Structure formats: C-alpha cells, structure tokens
Amino acid sequence: MYEFIPDNPYILLTPGPLSTSKGVRNALLRDWCTWDADYNEEIVQNIRRRLVAIATDRTDEYTVVLMQGSGSFSVEATLGSAVPRDGKILLITNGAYGKRMVQIAKVLQINYIEYALPEIEAPDPERVATLLAENPDITHVALVHCETTTGMLNPLEEIAYVVKSRGKVLIVDAMSSFGGIPIDVNGLGIDFLISSSNKCIQGGPGFGFVVSRREELQKCEGNARSLCLDLYDQWKEMDASGKWRYTSPTHIVRAFYQALDEMETEGGVAARYERYRKNQRLLVEGMAALGFQALLPEELQSPIITSFLYPEANFDFNAFYRQAKAQGFVLYPGKISQANTFRIGNIGEVYPENIRQLVAVVKNIREKNAEVAG
C-alpha cells in the first residue's frame, strides 16, 4: 500500500495535474518579481533554451513561447495566431482534445475542415493525403499526438510525412507526450508543438508553451484573434527581455525550472520514456490479471494513460474510485461515449513500485467487494 505523506496523501494517476516531487513542491515556497533579472534572465530564458534543446538539436531554427493558463490556452493561442484569415486548417480528431480544437476554430472563425474518427480508431495517413489533395486550399494541419481521451498514441511520424511532403504547416498538440516520448521536432517537420507545465516534465499547472519554428512564427504577426493569446506578440516581448506581456505564474515557473533539473538528473526524455513504458506495461498486465481489459489494442496504447473497460455490467466506478483513493491512489473517470471506461495514468512522480502497490490495492478491493456481494 502507498505510504501516506502528510503533505501529499495520495498519488495522482491522472494525465495532469499529476504527482510532483517534493523538490518541485518546495520550489514554490519563494516569491519572485516579474521584471527582475533574477527571474527573467536566470529562470525564464533558461527554461526557454532548455525546452528548445529537448525538442531539437536545430536550436537556431526554433524558439519557445511561454503562455499563461492551461495547455488549452496555448492551443488556442497557436491556432488563433498561426492560421491567417485567408488560411484553412485540417483538424484531425479522434477524441475530446481534437474536438476542442474544432471548438476553438468555430469560436475564432477559423476556416477549417475536420477529419473526424471514432474515439477508438487511429487516423489513416492515406486519408489525410486524400483530404489534402481534394482541398488544395488547406494551409495548415493539426492533430493531437497522445489523445488522453482513450490513451491512444496517434501515428505522428506517418502523418507528419504526408503533411510536410505537401508543403503544409504542421501543428501538433503534444500536451501529454512532450518530455515523456522522444519527438524530433525538426526531423518530423513540426512547425508548432504545444505542451504544458503539468505533464511529462512534471511541473505544476499554470502555463503552457509552444515550440515554434522561427520562420513560421514570424508569419504570425498581425494574425491573432485575441489580445492576450497573441503568440507573436508574446514571443517578441519574451525574446527581448524574458518578460511576459502580462503577469506570469512566477511560482509555477520556478517550480518548472526545478522539474527540468530533475528530468535531466533522471536521464532526460529517454529515461523518462522508459520509466513510463515500464509503468504502463506493469499496469496493463497487473490489471488484466484482475479482470480489467484495456480498451485499446496494445499497438495503439501510449505509455501516458490507459483506458480500462468496466469488468462487469454492475461495476460501480464511483465506489471503486473512493476505495482506491482511501488507500492512496486517485484514478480518472472515462471520457468516451462508446463504452463504460475509466483511466489510469502512468506519468508524473510515479515509479514501477507504485504501480505494483496500486495493483495490490485493486486486488484487495476486488476481493473485499466479492466477499460483500457473496
């Protein structure tokens, strides 16, 4: 069983916010001034350089823009700034976060078409190629890399090849994958990659960031449909001084700096990817032994989060959730319309021993519930 810690009574097995280290939480305890060089030069600019280095070795061709708010704020800032008013975007959707991009496009009156799929189906690169051929006025393409609605890892490399071979601008929502799955941003031709502070780099929630090809970011000037979510203007201010245009989440930014330090100590993206993969394998195997079937076939699963089908028709997830939480683990409800599911995340300050502890807790809950029912 998970050992309770007074200031952190349970592990969050969610796709973010997620469990953070004591070092990251301790980094929140100091105040910072938003215009002082100690913050802007030593913290903000340092973070920006390190994020570019994680994304690509072509650091002269890319930059990073930090943006206040949750990851969805950065998605909206990117779509609203990158797509000009005479542009058109293809949105590839097979879950809630792809659908959110459609909502953003509608609200911002961005010209778009949608390639919509069922939540348990991966997009077909050949279909993407066909849509681009049938709609030559498409200028941009956007997709979610890891769709945490189900835990599916979409075929980014194959789709990126199709998009870039046809000269389109590629936008990738890598919210739940960047820092936890190796992604060669330049090698794949990604022009804008979006993520946030509270995912695989294991910081707290409060800001997102966009890894941007400088050449494409320059084209965003004057495009924004929003004052606050103007990616270009935020970049110009941040590039000049490290200062955010409007008040930044200073405590969370400093904690993220600490999270980057800890990620490097662990061994970078490669080491974190291996830990998450091991967590996910142990989870799926352990839950299968207890009668829980994964929603997706193995080849579509990501190391980020896994959806499980209810084991029987009368399964009470809310009761199961409360029982797991009482023993130190917070799980995640399901989000798909086609089946009754719940989800368990593998990212954050979570290690294989924690997954083994969780499986033991679930086994105990199942046995006790069977006794009561019997």
Foldseek 3Di string as FASTA:
>chain_A
DDDADVVAGFFEQDQPLGAADPLLVVLLPDDDDQQDCCQQVVFLVVVFQVLLVLQAPPSVQKTKFKAWDFLVLLLLLCVQQLAFQQAEEEQEDAADVSVVNVVSCVVLVHHYDYDYDHNQDADDLVVVLVVCVVCVRHAEYEYEQQHQLAQFGHPQQSNLVSQVVSPHAYEYAPAAPRFQPRHRCVVSRHAKYKYALNGQLFFHHTMIMIIHRVVSLVVRPPRHSDDRSNRNVQVVVCVVTSHGPDDGPRSRSSSSSVSNVVCVVCPTNVSNNVFLQLLVVLLQVLVVVVQWHWPHPPVGHGSFKTKTAQRDDPDDVVVVQVQLVVVHYHWAARNHDPGGITMGTRHHPHGNVNSVVSSVSSNVVVVVVVVVVD
